[in-house]
C-alpha atoms as a PDB file:
ATOM      1  CA  MET A   1      -6.739  93.841 -97.402  1.00  0.00           C
ATOM      2  CA  THR A   2      -4.785  90.111 -97.013  1.00  0.00           C
ATOM      3  CA  ALA A   3      -5.296  88.013 -94.038  1.00  0.00           C
ATOM      4  CA  GLN A   4      -1.195  88.505 -93.469  1.00  0.00           C
ATOM      5  CA  SER A   5      -1.808  92.430 -93.432  1.00  0.00           C
ATOM      6  CA  ALA A   6      -5.510  92.428 -91.146  1.00  0.00           C
ATOM      7  CA  LEU A   7      -3.146  91.078 -88.363  1.00  0.00           C
ATOM      8  CA  PRO A   8      -2.480  93.199 -85.239  1.00  0.00           C
ATOM      9  CA  THR A   9       1.230  93.859 -85.125  1.00  0.00           C
ATOM     10  CA  GLY A  10       3.138  91.720 -82.576  1.00  0.00           C
ATOM     11  CA  THR A  11      -0.022  89.180 -82.623  1.00  0.00           C
ATOM     12  CA  ASP A  12       1.287  85.788 -80.745  1.00  0.00           C
ATOM     13  CA  LEU A  13      -0.167  83.718 -83.679  1.00  0.00           C
ATOM     14  CA  ARG A  14      -0.045  80.101 -81.594  1.00  0.00           C
ATOM     15  CA  ALA A  15      -1.996  82.004 -78.502  1.00  0.00           C
ATOM     16  CA  GLU A  16      -4.060  83.669 -80.614  1.00  0.00           C
ATOM     17  CA  ILE A  17      -5.199  80.450 -82.521  1.00  0.00           C
ATOM     18  CA  ASP A  18      -5.380  78.342 -79.394  1.00  0.00           C
ATOM     19  CA  ARG A  19      -7.792  81.279 -77.691  1.00  0.00           C
ATOM     20  CA  LEU A  20      -9.959  81.260 -80.918  1.00  0.00           C
ATOM     21  CA  ARG A  21     -10.414  77.216 -81.059  1.00  0.00           C
ATOM     22  CA  LYS A  22     -11.527  77.467 -77.816  1.00  0.00           C
ATOM     23  CA  ASP A  23     -14.141  80.689 -78.237  1.00  0.00           C
ATOM     24  CA  ARG A  24     -15.341  78.761 -81.716  1.00  0.00           C
ATOM     25  CA  ASN A  25     -15.290  75.268 -80.253  1.00  0.00           C
ATOM     26  CA  ALA A  26     -13.320  74.411 -83.520  1.00  0.00           C
ATOM     27  CA  VAL A  27     -11.195  71.470 -84.259  1.00  0.00           C
ATOM     28  CA  ILE A  28      -8.070  72.253 -86.433  1.00  0.00           C
ATOM     29  CA  LEU A  29      -7.121  69.642 -89.048  1.00  0.00           C
ATOM     30  CA  ALA A  30      -4.233  69.599 -91.296  1.00  0.00           C
ATOM     31  CA  HIS A  31      -3.455  67.376 -93.648  1.00  0.00           C
ATOM     32  CA  TYR A  32       0.308  65.835 -93.925  1.00  0.00           C
ATOM     33  CA  TYR A  33       1.611  67.736 -96.478  1.00  0.00           C
ATOM     34  CA  GLN A  34       0.779  70.753 -94.642  1.00  0.00           C
ATOM     35  CA  LYS A  35       3.819  73.038 -93.270  1.00  0.00           C
ATOM     36  CA  PRO A  36       5.210  71.648 -90.024  1.00  0.00           C
ATOM     37  CA  GLU A  37       3.729  74.485 -87.858  1.00  0.00           C
ATOM     38  CA  ILE A  38       0.417  74.077 -89.156  1.00  0.00           C
ATOM     39  CA  GLN A  39       0.814  70.016 -88.803  1.00  0.00           C
ATOM     40  CA  ASP A  40       2.014  71.193 -84.998  1.00  0.00           C
ATOM     41  CA  ILE A  41      -1.016  73.307 -83.601  1.00  0.00           C
ATOM     42  CA  ALA A  42      -3.736  70.712 -85.574  1.00  0.00           C
ATOM     43  CA  ASP A  43      -5.969  68.976 -83.263  1.00  0.00           C
ATOM     44  CA  TYR A  44      -5.742  66.198 -85.895  1.00  0.00           C
ATOM     45  CA  VAL A  45      -2.951  65.109 -88.811  1.00  0.00           C
ATOM     46  CA  GLY A  46      -3.481  62.795 -91.323  1.00  0.00           C
ATOM     47  CA  ASP A  47      -5.057  61.885 -94.881  1.00  0.00           C
ATOM     48  CA  SER A  48      -8.271  63.765 -95.937  1.00  0.00           C
ATOM     49  CA  LEU A  49     -11.248  61.375 -95.786  1.00  0.00           C
ATOM     50  CA  GLN A  50      -9.262  60.040 -92.330  1.00  0.00           C
ATOM     51  CA  LEU A  51      -9.517  63.971 -90.878  1.00  0.00           C
ATOM     52  CA  SER A  52     -13.044  64.537 -92.121  1.00  0.00           C
ATOM     53  CA  GLN A  53     -14.255  61.456 -90.115  1.00  0.00           C
ATOM     54  CA  LEU A  54     -12.626  61.942 -87.482  1.00  0.00           C
ATOM     55  CA  ALA A  55     -13.719  65.984 -87.069  1.00  0.00           C
ATOM     56  CA  ALA A  56     -17.414  64.090 -87.981  1.00  0.00           C
ATOM     57  CA  ASP A  57     -17.129  62.286 -84.621  1.00  0.00           C
ATOM     58  CA  THR A  58     -16.166  65.384 -82.341  1.00  0.00           C
ATOM     59  CA  ASP A  59     -18.964  67.980 -81.100  1.00  0.00           C
ATOM     60  CA  ALA A  60     -16.795  71.035 -82.488  1.00  0.00           C
ATOM     61  CA  ASP A  61     -18.804  73.630 -83.949  1.00  0.00           C
ATOM     62  CA  VAL A  62     -16.140  74.802 -86.475  1.00  0.00           C
ATOM     63  CA  ILE A  63     -14.059  72.740 -88.451  1.00  0.00           C
ATOM     64  CA  ALA A  64     -10.897  74.331 -89.883  1.00  0.00           C
ATOM     65  CA  PHE A  65      -9.683  72.078 -92.546  1.00  0.00           C
ATOM     66  CA  CYS A  66      -5.863  73.190 -93.161  1.00  0.00           C
ATOM     67  CA  GLY A  67      -5.639  71.438 -96.989  1.00  0.00           C
ATOM     68  CA  VAL A  68      -7.228  71.794-100.182  1.00  0.00           C
ATOM     69  CA  LYS A  69     -10.931  73.122-101.066  1.00  0.00           C
ATOM     70  CA  PHE A  70     -11.589  69.078-101.891  1.00  0.00           C
ATOM     71  CA  MET A  71     -10.894  68.098 -98.448  1.00  0.00           C
ATOM     72  CA  ALA A  72     -12.883  70.863 -97.107  1.00  0.00           C
ATOM     73  CA  ASP A  73     -15.970  69.957 -99.431  1.00  0.00           C
ATOM     74  CA  THR A  74     -15.307  66.355 -98.221  1.00  0.00           C
ATOM     75  CA  ALA A  75     -15.649  67.194 -94.470  1.00  0.00           C
ATOM     76  CA  LYS A  76     -18.996  69.670 -95.240  1.00  0.00           C
ATOM     77  CA  ILE A  77     -20.438  66.558 -96.667  1.00  0.00           C
ATOM     78  CA  LEU A  78     -20.056  64.872 -93.613  1.00  0.00           C
ATOM     79  CA  SER A  79     -20.790  67.363 -91.291  1.00  0.00           C
ATOM     80  CA  PRO A  80     -23.450  69.594 -93.001  1.00  0.00           C
ATOM     81  CA  GLU A  81     -24.395  71.239 -89.426  1.00  0.00           C
ATOM     82  CA  LYS A  82     -20.911  72.112 -88.796  1.00  0.00           C
ATOM     83  CA  ILE A  83     -19.270  75.724 -89.832  1.00  0.00           C
ATOM     84  CA  VAL A  84     -16.438  74.338 -92.014  1.00  0.00           C
ATOM     85  CA  VAL A  85     -13.021  76.970 -92.793  1.00  0.00           C
ATOM     86  CA  LEU A  86     -10.511  76.741 -95.479  1.00  0.00           C
ATOM     87  CA  PRO A  87      -8.029  79.045 -94.381  1.00  0.00           C
ATOM     88  CA  ASP A  88      -7.194  79.943 -98.126  1.00  0.00           C
ATOM     89  CA  MET A  89     -10.366  79.271-100.548  1.00  0.00           C
ATOM     90  CA  ASP A  90      -7.449  79.291-103.936  1.00  0.00           C
ATOM     91  CA  ALA A  91      -6.247  75.854-102.324  1.00  0.00           C
ATOM     92  CA  GLY A  92      -6.957  74.391-104.753  1.00  0.00           C
ATOM     93  CA  CYS A  93      -6.070  70.674-106.412  1.00  0.00           C
ATOM     94  CA  SER A  94      -4.585  70.153-109.797  1.00  0.00           C
ATOM     95  CA  LEU A  95      -6.644  66.954-110.077  1.00  0.00           C
ATOM     96  CA  GLU A  96      -9.587  67.945-109.317  1.00  0.00           C
ATOM     97  CA  ASP A  97      -9.082  70.988-111.708  1.00  0.00           C
ATOM     98  CA  SER A  98      -8.066  68.360-114.428  1.00  0.00           C
ATOM     99  CA  CYS A  99     -11.739  67.094-114.271  1.00  0.00           C
ATOM    100  CA  PRO A 100     -14.525  69.791-114.701  1.00  0.00           C
ATOM    101  CA  PRO A 101     -18.234  67.843-113.888  1.00  0.00           C
ATOM    102  CA  ASP A 102     -19.571  68.901-117.243  1.00  0.00           C
ATOM    103  CA  LYS A 103     -16.665  67.204-119.314  1.00  0.00           C
ATOM    104  CA  PHE A 104     -17.229  64.435-116.557  1.00  0.00           C
ATOM    105  CA  ARG A 105     -20.625  64.120-117.156  1.00  0.00           C
ATOM    106  CA  ALA A 106     -20.330  63.861-120.848  1.00  0.00           C
ATOM    107  CA  PHE A 107     -17.315  61.097-120.868  1.00  0.00           C
ATOM    108  CA  ARG A 108     -19.779  59.235-118.577  1.00  0.00           C
ATOM    109  CA  GLU A 109     -22.767  59.745-120.958  1.00  0.00           C
ATOM    110  CA  ALA A 110     -20.315  58.354-123.823  1.00  0.00           C
ATOM    111  CA  HIS A 111     -19.572  55.388-121.713  1.00  0.00           C
ATOM    112  CA  PRO A 112     -23.245  54.514-120.457  1.00  0.00           C
ATOM    113  CA  ASP A 113     -21.958  50.758-119.692  1.00  0.00           C
ATOM    114  CA  HIS A 114     -19.333  51.888-117.396  1.00  0.00           C
ATOM    115  CA  ILE A 115     -19.580  52.658-113.545  1.00  0.00           C
ATOM    116  CA  ALA A 116     -17.214  55.389-112.541  1.00  0.00           C
ATOM    117  CA  LEU A 117     -15.005  54.604-109.810  1.00  0.00           C
ATOM    118  CA  THR A 118     -13.714  57.852-108.886  1.00  0.00           C
ATOM    119  CA  TYR A 119     -10.807  59.199-106.894  1.00  0.00           C
ATOM    120  CA  ILE A 120     -11.693  61.594-103.718  1.00  0.00           C
ATOM    121  CA  ASN A 121      -9.488  64.281-105.063  1.00  0.00           C
ATOM    122  CA  CYS A 122     -12.316  65.645-107.010  1.00  0.00           C
ATOM    123  CA  SER A 123     -14.872  68.408-106.651  1.00  0.00           C
ATOM    124  CA  THR A 124     -18.460  67.812-104.776  1.00  0.00           C
ATOM    125  CA  GLU A 125     -20.104  67.996-108.380  1.00  0.00           C
ATOM    126  CA  VAL A 126     -17.872  65.025-109.829  1.00  0.00           C
ATOM    127  CA  LYS A 127     -18.333  63.113-106.743  1.00  0.00           C
ATOM    128  CA  ALA A 128     -22.014  63.596-107.112  1.00  0.00           C
ATOM    129  CA  LEU A 129     -21.734  61.911-110.815  1.00  0.00           C
ATOM    130  CA  SER A 130     -19.839  59.306-109.749  1.00  0.00           C
ATOM    131  CA  ASP A 131     -20.986  55.745-108.331  1.00  0.00           C
ATOM    132  CA  VAL A 132     -18.732  55.280-105.895  1.00  0.00           C
ATOM    133  CA  ILE A 133     -15.672  57.362-104.206  1.00  0.00           C
ATOM    134  CA  VAL A 134     -12.054  55.508-103.555  1.00  0.00           C
ATOM    135  CA  THR A 135      -9.115  56.877-101.643  1.00  0.00           C
ATOM    136  CA  SER A 136      -5.652  55.506-102.553  1.00  0.00           C
ATOM    137  CA  SER A 137      -5.955  53.175 -99.345  1.00  0.00           C
ATOM    138  CA  SER A 138      -9.028  51.971-100.249  1.00  0.00           C
ATOM    139  CA  ALA A 139      -9.114  51.437-103.636  1.00  0.00           C
ATOM    140  CA  GLU A 140      -7.561  47.869-104.274  1.00  0.00           C
ATOM    141  CA  THR A 141     -10.339  46.693-101.744  1.00  0.00           C
ATOM    142  CA  ILE A 142     -12.797  48.027-103.575  1.00  0.00           C
ATOM    143  CA  LEU A 143     -11.475  47.329-107.226  1.00  0.00           C
ATOM    144  CA  GLN A 144     -11.214  43.504-105.640  1.00  0.00           C
ATOM    145  CA  GLN A 145     -15.106  43.139-105.637  1.00  0.00           C
ATOM    146  CA  ILE A 146     -16.107  44.418-108.901  1.00  0.00           C
ATOM    147  CA  PRO A 147     -16.021  41.516-111.205  1.00  0.00           C
ATOM    148  CA  GLU A 148     -14.085  41.768-114.064  1.00  0.00           C
ATOM    149  CA  SER A 149     -16.931  41.941-116.549  1.00  0.00           C
ATOM    150  CA  GLN A 150     -18.325  45.431-115.473  1.00  0.00           C
ATOM    151  CA  LYS A 151     -16.626  47.925-117.399  1.00  0.00           C
ATOM    152  CA  ILE A 152     -15.113  51.016-115.345  1.00  0.00           C
ATOM    153  CA  ILE A 153     -14.203  54.436-115.517  1.00  0.00           C
ATOM    154  CA  PHE A 154     -11.639  55.632-113.231  1.00  0.00           C
ATOM    155  CA  GLY A 155     -10.484  59.421-112.742  1.00  0.00           C
ATOM    156  CA  PRO A 156      -9.393  61.984-111.994  1.00  0.00           C
ATOM    157  CA  ASP A 157      -5.773  60.246-111.792  1.00  0.00           C
ATOM    158  CA  ARG A 158      -4.573  58.026-114.192  1.00  0.00           C
ATOM    159  CA  HIS A 159      -1.445  57.006-112.234  1.00  0.00           C
ATOM    160  CA  LEU A 160      -3.261  55.675-109.773  1.00  0.00           C
ATOM    161  CA  GLY A 161      -5.810  54.090-112.009  1.00  0.00           C
ATOM    162  CA  GLY A 162      -3.107  52.459-114.373  1.00  0.00           C
ATOM    163  CA  TYR A 163      -1.547  51.315-111.065  1.00  0.00           C
ATOM    164  CA  LEU A 164      -4.303  49.553-110.313  1.00  0.00           C
ATOM    165  CA  ASN A 165      -4.832  48.542-114.180  1.00  0.00           C
ATOM    166  CA  ARG A 166      -1.311  46.298-113.640  1.00  0.00           C
ATOM    167  CA  LYS A 167      -1.588  45.441-110.160  1.00  0.00           C
ATOM    168  CA  PHE A 168      -5.114  43.457-110.626  1.00  0.00           C
ATOM    169  CA  ASN A 169      -5.061  42.550-114.573  1.00  0.00           C
ATOM    170  CA  ARG A 170      -7.621  45.350-115.518  1.00  0.00           C
ATOM    171  CA  ASP A 171      -8.676  47.559-117.972  1.00  0.00           C
ATOM    172  CA  MET A 172     -10.247  50.538-116.500  1.00  0.00           C
ATOM    173  CA  LEU A 173     -10.826  53.231-118.779  1.00  0.00           C
ATOM    174  CA  LEU A 174      -8.646  56.087-117.351  1.00  0.00           C
ATOM    175  CA  TRP A 175      -9.273  59.948-117.159  1.00  0.00           C
ATOM    176  CA  PRO A 176      -6.427  61.543-118.152  1.00  0.00           C
ATOM    177  CA  GLY A 177      -5.868  64.124-114.782  1.00  0.00           C
ATOM    178  CA  VAL A 178      -2.516  63.793-112.947  1.00  0.00           C
ATOM    179  CA  CYS A 179      -1.054  65.549-109.605  1.00  0.00           C
ATOM    180  CA  ILE A 180       1.349  67.905-110.720  1.00  0.00           C
ATOM    181  CA  VAL A 181       3.428  67.444-107.524  1.00  0.00           C
ATOM    182  CA  HIS A 182       3.535  63.205-107.792  1.00  0.00           C
ATOM    183  CA  GLU A 183       4.072  64.131-111.875  1.00  0.00           C
ATOM    184  CA  ALA A 184       7.435  66.059-110.853  1.00  0.00           C
ATOM    185  CA  PHE A 185       9.258  63.169-109.496  1.00  0.00           C
ATOM    186  CA  SER A 186      12.455  62.482-111.994  1.00  0.00           C
ATOM    187  CA  GLU A 187      13.584  58.863-112.424  1.00  0.00           C
ATOM    188  CA  SER A 188      17.008  59.402-113.560  1.00  0.00           C
ATOM    189  CA  GLU A 189      17.359  61.786-110.468  1.00  0.00           C
ATOM    190  CA  LEU A 190      15.617  58.704-108.103  1.00  0.00           C
ATOM    191  CA  LEU A 191      18.015  56.220-109.417  1.00  0.00           C
ATOM    192  CA  LYS A 192      20.787  58.513-108.721  1.00  0.00           C
ATOM    193  CA  LEU A 193      19.474  58.463-104.986  1.00  0.00           C
ATOM    194  CA  MET A 194      19.206  55.002-104.860  1.00  0.00           C
ATOM    195  CA  GLN A 195      22.739  54.592-106.135  1.00  0.00           C
ATOM    196  CA  GLN A 196      23.969  57.078-103.575  1.00  0.00           C
ATOM    197  CA  HIS A 197      21.724  54.854-100.652  1.00  0.00           C
ATOM    198  CA  PRO A 198      21.698  51.258-102.032  1.00  0.00           C
ATOM    199  CA  ASP A 199      20.030  49.838 -98.791  1.00  0.00           C
ATOM    200  CA  ALA A 200      17.549  52.604 -98.669  1.00  0.00           C
ATOM    201  CA  PRO A 201      13.701  51.238 -99.740  1.00  0.00           C
ATOM    202  CA  VAL A 202      11.726  53.505-101.720  1.00  0.00           C
ATOM    203  CA  ALA A 203       8.047  54.249-100.878  1.00  0.00           C
ATOM    204  CA  ALA A 204       6.128  55.826-103.245  1.00  0.00           C
ATOM    205  CA  HIS A 205       2.609  57.129-103.913  1.00  0.00           C
ATOM    206  CA  PRO A 206       0.254  55.766-106.760  1.00  0.00           C
ATOM    207  CA  GLU A 207      -0.008  58.812-108.061  1.00  0.00           C
ATOM    208  CA  CYS A 208       3.479  58.761-109.112  1.00  0.00           C
ATOM    209  CA  PRO A 209       3.992  57.759-112.772  1.00  0.00           C
ATOM    210  CA  PRO A 210       4.873  54.300-113.898  1.00  0.00           C
ATOM    211  CA  HIS A 211       8.875  55.484-113.753  1.00  0.00           C
ATOM    212  CA  VAL A 212       9.042  56.144-109.949  1.00  0.00           C
ATOM    213  CA  VAL A 213       6.324  53.263-109.021  1.00  0.00           C
ATOM    214  CA  GLU A 214       8.158  50.663-110.723  1.00  0.00           C
ATOM    215  CA  HIS A 215      11.537  51.143-108.284  1.00  0.00           C
ATOM    216  CA  ALA A 216       9.416  51.589-105.248  1.00  0.00           C
ATOM    217  CA  ASP A 217       9.464  48.806-102.749  1.00  0.00           C
ATOM    218  CA  TYR A 218       6.464  50.378-100.788  1.00  0.00           C
ATOM    219  CA  VAL A 219       3.497  51.572-102.978  1.00  0.00           C
ATOM    220  CA  GLY A 220       0.921  53.369-100.571  1.00  0.00           C
ATOM    221  CA  SER A 221      -1.444  55.969 -99.814  1.00  0.00           C
ATOM    222  CA  THR A 222       0.062  59.050 -97.400  1.00  0.00           C
ATOM    223  CA  SER A 223      -0.794  57.233 -94.051  1.00  0.00           C
ATOM    224  CA  GLY A 224       0.486  53.943 -95.310  1.00  0.00           C
ATOM    225  CA  ILE A 225       3.733  55.117 -96.262  1.00  0.00           C
ATOM    226  CA  LEU A 226       3.980  56.819 -92.719  1.00  0.00           C
ATOM    227  CA  GLN A 227       3.304  53.275 -91.383  1.00  0.00           C
ATOM    228  CA  PHE A 228       5.902  51.679 -93.688  1.00  0.00           C
ATOM    229  CA  ALA A 229       8.783  54.258 -92.340  1.00  0.00           C
ATOM    230  CA  LYS A 230       7.662  52.950 -88.555  1.00  0.00           C
ATOM    231  CA  THR A 231       8.011  49.195 -89.768  1.00  0.00           C
ATOM    232  CA  PHE A 232      10.688  48.981 -92.380  1.00  0.00           C
ATOM    233  CA  PRO A 233      14.240  47.651 -90.462  1.00  0.00           C
ATOM    234  CA  GLY A 234      16.661  49.860 -92.299  1.00  0.00           C
ATOM    235  CA  ASP A 235      17.577  53.262 -91.115  1.00  0.00           C
ATOM    236  CA  THR A 236      16.948  55.203 -94.222  1.00  0.00           C
ATOM    237  CA  LEU A 237      14.002  55.476 -96.387  1.00  0.00           C
ATOM    238  CA  ILE A 238      13.675  57.564 -99.672  1.00  0.00           C
ATOM    239  CA  VAL A 239       9.948  58.922 -99.864  1.00  0.00           C
ATOM    240  CA  ALA A 240       8.470  59.795-102.883  1.00  0.00           C
ATOM    241  CA  THR A 241       5.216  61.879-101.993  1.00  0.00           C
ATOM    242  CA  GLU A 242       4.789  65.682-100.988  1.00  0.00           C
ATOM    243  CA  PRO A 243       8.003  66.103 -98.860  1.00  0.00           C
ATOM    244  CA  HIS A 244       5.986  67.544 -95.657  1.00  0.00           C
ATOM    245  CA  ILE A 245       5.168  63.815 -94.864  1.00  0.00           C
ATOM    246  CA  ILE A 246       8.343  63.608 -93.248  1.00  0.00           C
ATOM    247  CA  HIS A 247       7.892  66.099 -90.618  1.00  0.00           C
ATOM    248  CA  GLN A 248       5.603  63.239 -89.238  1.00  0.00           C
ATOM    249  CA  MET A 249       8.275  60.838 -89.802  1.00  0.00           C
ATOM    250  CA  GLU A 250      11.084  62.145 -88.022  1.00  0.00           C
ATOM    251  CA  LYS A 251       8.923  63.225 -85.480  1.00  0.00           C
ATOM    252  CA  ALA A 252       8.225  59.318 -84.926  1.00  0.00           C
ATOM    253  CA  LEU A 253      11.679  58.025 -85.905  1.00  0.00           C
ATOM    254  CA  PRO A 254      14.172  60.580 -84.769  1.00  0.00           C
ATOM    255  CA  GLU A 255      16.916  58.123 -84.935  1.00  0.00           C
ATOM    256  CA  LYS A 256      15.934  57.209 -88.870  1.00  0.00           C
ATOM    257  CA  ASN A 257      17.124  59.323 -91.828  1.00  0.00           C
ATOM    258  CA  PHE A 258      14.249  60.461 -94.428  1.00  0.00           C
ATOM    259  CA  ILE A 259      15.085  61.632 -97.815  1.00  0.00           C
ATOM    260  CA  GLY A 260      12.471  63.272 -99.942  1.00  0.00           C
ATOM    261  CA  ALA A 261      12.632  62.029-103.858  1.00  0.00           C
ATOM    262  CA  PRO A 262      13.832  64.402-105.689  1.00  0.00           C
ATOM    263  CA  GLY A 263      12.601  66.667-109.036  1.00  0.00           C
ATOM    264  CA  ALA A 264      13.769  67.279-112.199  1.00  0.00           C
ATOM    265  CA  ASP A 265      17.031  68.928-111.508  1.00  0.00           C
ATOM    266  CA  GLY A 266      17.485  66.778-108.570  1.00  0.00           C
ATOM    267  CA  ASN A 267      17.124  70.427-105.923  1.00  0.00           C
ATOM    268  CA  CYS A 268      14.105  71.629-106.740  1.00  0.00           C
ATOM    269  CA  ASN A 269      11.358  72.486-104.952  1.00  0.00           C
ATOM    270  CA  CYS A 270       8.669  71.320-107.727  1.00  0.00           C
ATOM    271  CA  ASN A 271       7.498  68.032-105.124  1.00  0.00           C
ATOM    272  CA  ILE A 272       5.952  70.806-103.125  1.00  0.00           C
ATOM    273  CA  CYS A 273       2.783  71.094-103.582  1.00  0.00           C
ATOM    274  CA  PRO A 274       1.940  74.871-104.616  1.00  0.00           C
ATOM    275  CA  TYR A 275      -2.057  74.799-103.237  1.00  0.00           C
ATOM    276  CA  MET A 276      -1.179  73.269-100.122  1.00  0.00           C
ATOM    277  CA  ALA A 277       1.604  75.765 -99.162  1.00  0.00           C
ATOM    278  CA  LEU A 278      -1.126  78.568 -99.561  1.00  0.00           C
ATOM    279  CA  ASN A 279      -2.520  77.736 -96.160  1.00  0.00           C
ATOM    280  CA  THR A 280      -0.034  79.831 -93.436  1.00  0.00           C
ATOM    281  CA  MET A 281      -0.721  80.622 -89.883  1.00  0.00           C
ATOM    282  CA  GLU A 282      -1.986  83.722 -90.394  1.00  0.00           C
ATOM    283  CA  LYS A 283      -4.849  82.777 -92.539  1.00  0.00           C
ATOM    284  CA  LEU A 284      -5.954  79.948 -90.055  1.00  0.00           C
ATOM    285  CA  TYR A 285      -6.046  82.893 -87.659  1.00  0.00           C
ATOM    286  CA  THR A 286      -8.319  84.880 -89.520  1.00  0.00           C
ATOM    287  CA  ALA A 287     -10.184  82.028 -90.776  1.00  0.00           C
ATOM    288  CA  LEU A 288     -11.007  80.814 -87.353  1.00  0.00           C
ATOM    289  CA  ARG A 289     -11.285  84.815 -86.055  1.00  0.00           C
ATOM    290  CA  ASP A 290     -13.878  85.282 -89.282  1.00  0.00           C
ATOM    291  CA  LEU A 291     -15.306  82.293 -90.167  1.00  0.00           C
ATOM    292  CA  GLU A 292     -14.537  82.619 -93.679  1.00  0.00           C
ATOM    293  CA  PRO A 293     -13.998  81.784 -96.292  1.00  0.00           C
ATOM    294  CA  ARG A 294     -16.589  78.925 -95.710  1.00  0.00           C
ATOM    295  CA  ILE A 295     -17.544  76.080 -97.485  1.00  0.00           C
ATOM    296  CA  GLU A 296     -21.052  75.630 -98.656  1.00  0.00           C
ATOM    297  CA  ILE A 297     -22.659  73.126-100.582  1.00  0.00           C
ATOM    298  CA  GLU A 298     -26.045  73.337-101.606  1.00  0.00           C
ATOM    299  CA  GLU A 299     -27.990  70.085-100.034  1.00  0.00           C
ATOM    300  CA  GLY A 300     -29.402  68.229-102.768  1.00  0.00           C
ATOM    301  CA  LEU A 301     -25.666  68.097-103.923  1.00  0.00           C
ATOM    302  CA  ARG A 302     -24.208  66.909-100.865  1.00  0.00           C
ATOM    303  CA  LEU A 303     -26.572  64.048-100.769  1.00  0.00           C
ATOM    304  CA  LYS A 304     -25.620  62.939-103.909  1.00  0.00           C
ATOM    305  CA  ALA A 305     -21.763  63.299-103.717  1.00  0.00           C
ATOM    306  CA  LYS A 306     -22.415  61.269 -99.778  1.00  0.00           C
ATOM    307  CA  GLN A 307     -24.416  58.770-101.722  1.00  0.00           C
ATOM    308  CA  SER A 308     -21.249  57.919-103.531  1.00  0.00           C
ATOM    309  CA  LEU A 309     -18.784  58.486-100.536  1.00  0.00           C
ATOM    310  CA  ASP A 310     -21.295  56.545 -98.389  1.00  0.00           C
ATOM    311  CA  ARG A 311     -20.754  53.350-100.829  1.00  0.00           C
ATOM    312  CA  MET A 312     -17.057  53.245-100.929  1.00  0.00           C
ATOM    313  CA  LEU A 313     -17.111  52.603 -96.790  1.00  0.00           C
ATOM    314  CA  GLU A 314     -19.571  50.313 -97.402  1.00  0.00           C
ATOM    315  CA  MET A 315     -17.376  48.329 -99.682  1.00  0.00           C
ATOM    316  CA  ALA A 316     -14.693  49.142 -97.999  1.00  0.00           C
ATOM    317  CA  SER A 317     -15.822  47.730 -95.125  1.00  0.00           C
ATOM    318  CA  GLY A 318     -17.415  44.772 -96.318  1.00  0.00           C
ATOM    319  CA  THR A 319     -20.796  45.586 -95.353  1.00  0.00           C
ATOM    320  CA  ILE A 320     -22.297  45.522 -99.176  1.00  0.00           C
ATOM    321  CA  GLY A 321     -21.429  43.490-102.121  1.00  0.00           C
ATOM    322  CA  MET A 322     -21.392  44.382-105.903  1.00  0.00           C
ATOM    323  CA  GLY A 323     -25.066  43.302-106.536  1.00  0.00           C
ATOM    324  CA  ASP A 324     -25.752  46.221-104.423  1.00  0.00           C
ATOM    325  CA  LEU A 325     -23.910  49.401-106.443  1.00  0.00           C
ATOM    326  CA  GLY A 326     -26.465  50.736-108.806  1.00  0.00           C
ATOM    327  CA  ARG A 327     -25.364  53.289-111.293  1.00  0.00           C
ATOM    328  CA  VAL A 328     -26.184  56.726-110.297  1.00  0.00           C
END
C-alpha cells in the first residue's frame, strides 16, 4: 500500500502533520529544493549540513528530513540518539549514485599519495573513506589550507572540483560524477535569457558545468545564492540552480523578479530534481505517523564518517591546520 493510499479520506494534512510533530516531539527539516508546501510547513529550511546541525541542537526526539537520503544520513551521523525518518527512501542523489564505495575505495588505493577531499553529496560509506568532507560553501576555505604540494582526489562532483581547480589554480584529480539537475542547464538558452534581461545578474551553483558558471556574476552554494538575492542592487535575478529555491527568494523579496535558468529546450522541467520531488506532504505525514522509513547506520561506520565531517568543521572554523590532517 502506498503512503498516499493509506491516508484516511478527508485527512487535513497540515493539521495532522502539526499534531504528529507535537506528539512525536519532532523537528521537520526541508531543503531549499523541496516543494513550496513542504518548505512552508518545515521548522527549518536550508542547506543540507546546516539543517543537520540545527536539528542536532534541538531537544527533538525525531528528525523528519525532507530532502534526499545522504542528507538524512548526515543528520543521523550527527544525531545518533534521535530517530531520523526520510519520507521516501528512494529519494537519492545522482552524485551519490555516481560514486559507489567499492569503486571509490579502489580509486583511493590506486592513488595512495592523494588525500580525499569529498563533497558532502555522497554516501556514508564514501564519507568514511574520505579525509575531509566539504560543502559548496566551505570547499574554498578548506582547499586554501591544503598546501599545493599535497595531491588531492576530489569527488564526486567534477564540476565543483573543476571550478575549484580553475579558481585556485589547483590540479585535483576529479571523480567523474555530476548532478543531473545542474548538468541540464543550457548555455544557449541562458544566453537568450540574458539578452532578454541585459541588466539582470546571473547567480549559479558551482555544480553547474563550466559553460554556465562562466556567465555567472555570482557563484556559490544554495544559501549563498539566497544571500546574493537579498543583497544585489537590481530588481531581476537569473538563478541557475534547482528552481524551488526561488520560493524562499520570493517570500523574502516579493518586490523582485527571479527567473530560473532554462534547460535544454528553454522550458523543460529537467532542472527540477526528480529525487527531491519524491517527498510529498502525504509521505511526510505517514513518516511521522509510522516513524518509517527510518535511517539506520552501523556505529563503527557512523564514527568513521563523522571523523571526516568533524575535520571539515574544524578546518572551516580554523581550529586545526593541515598538519593535523592525517589520512584515513
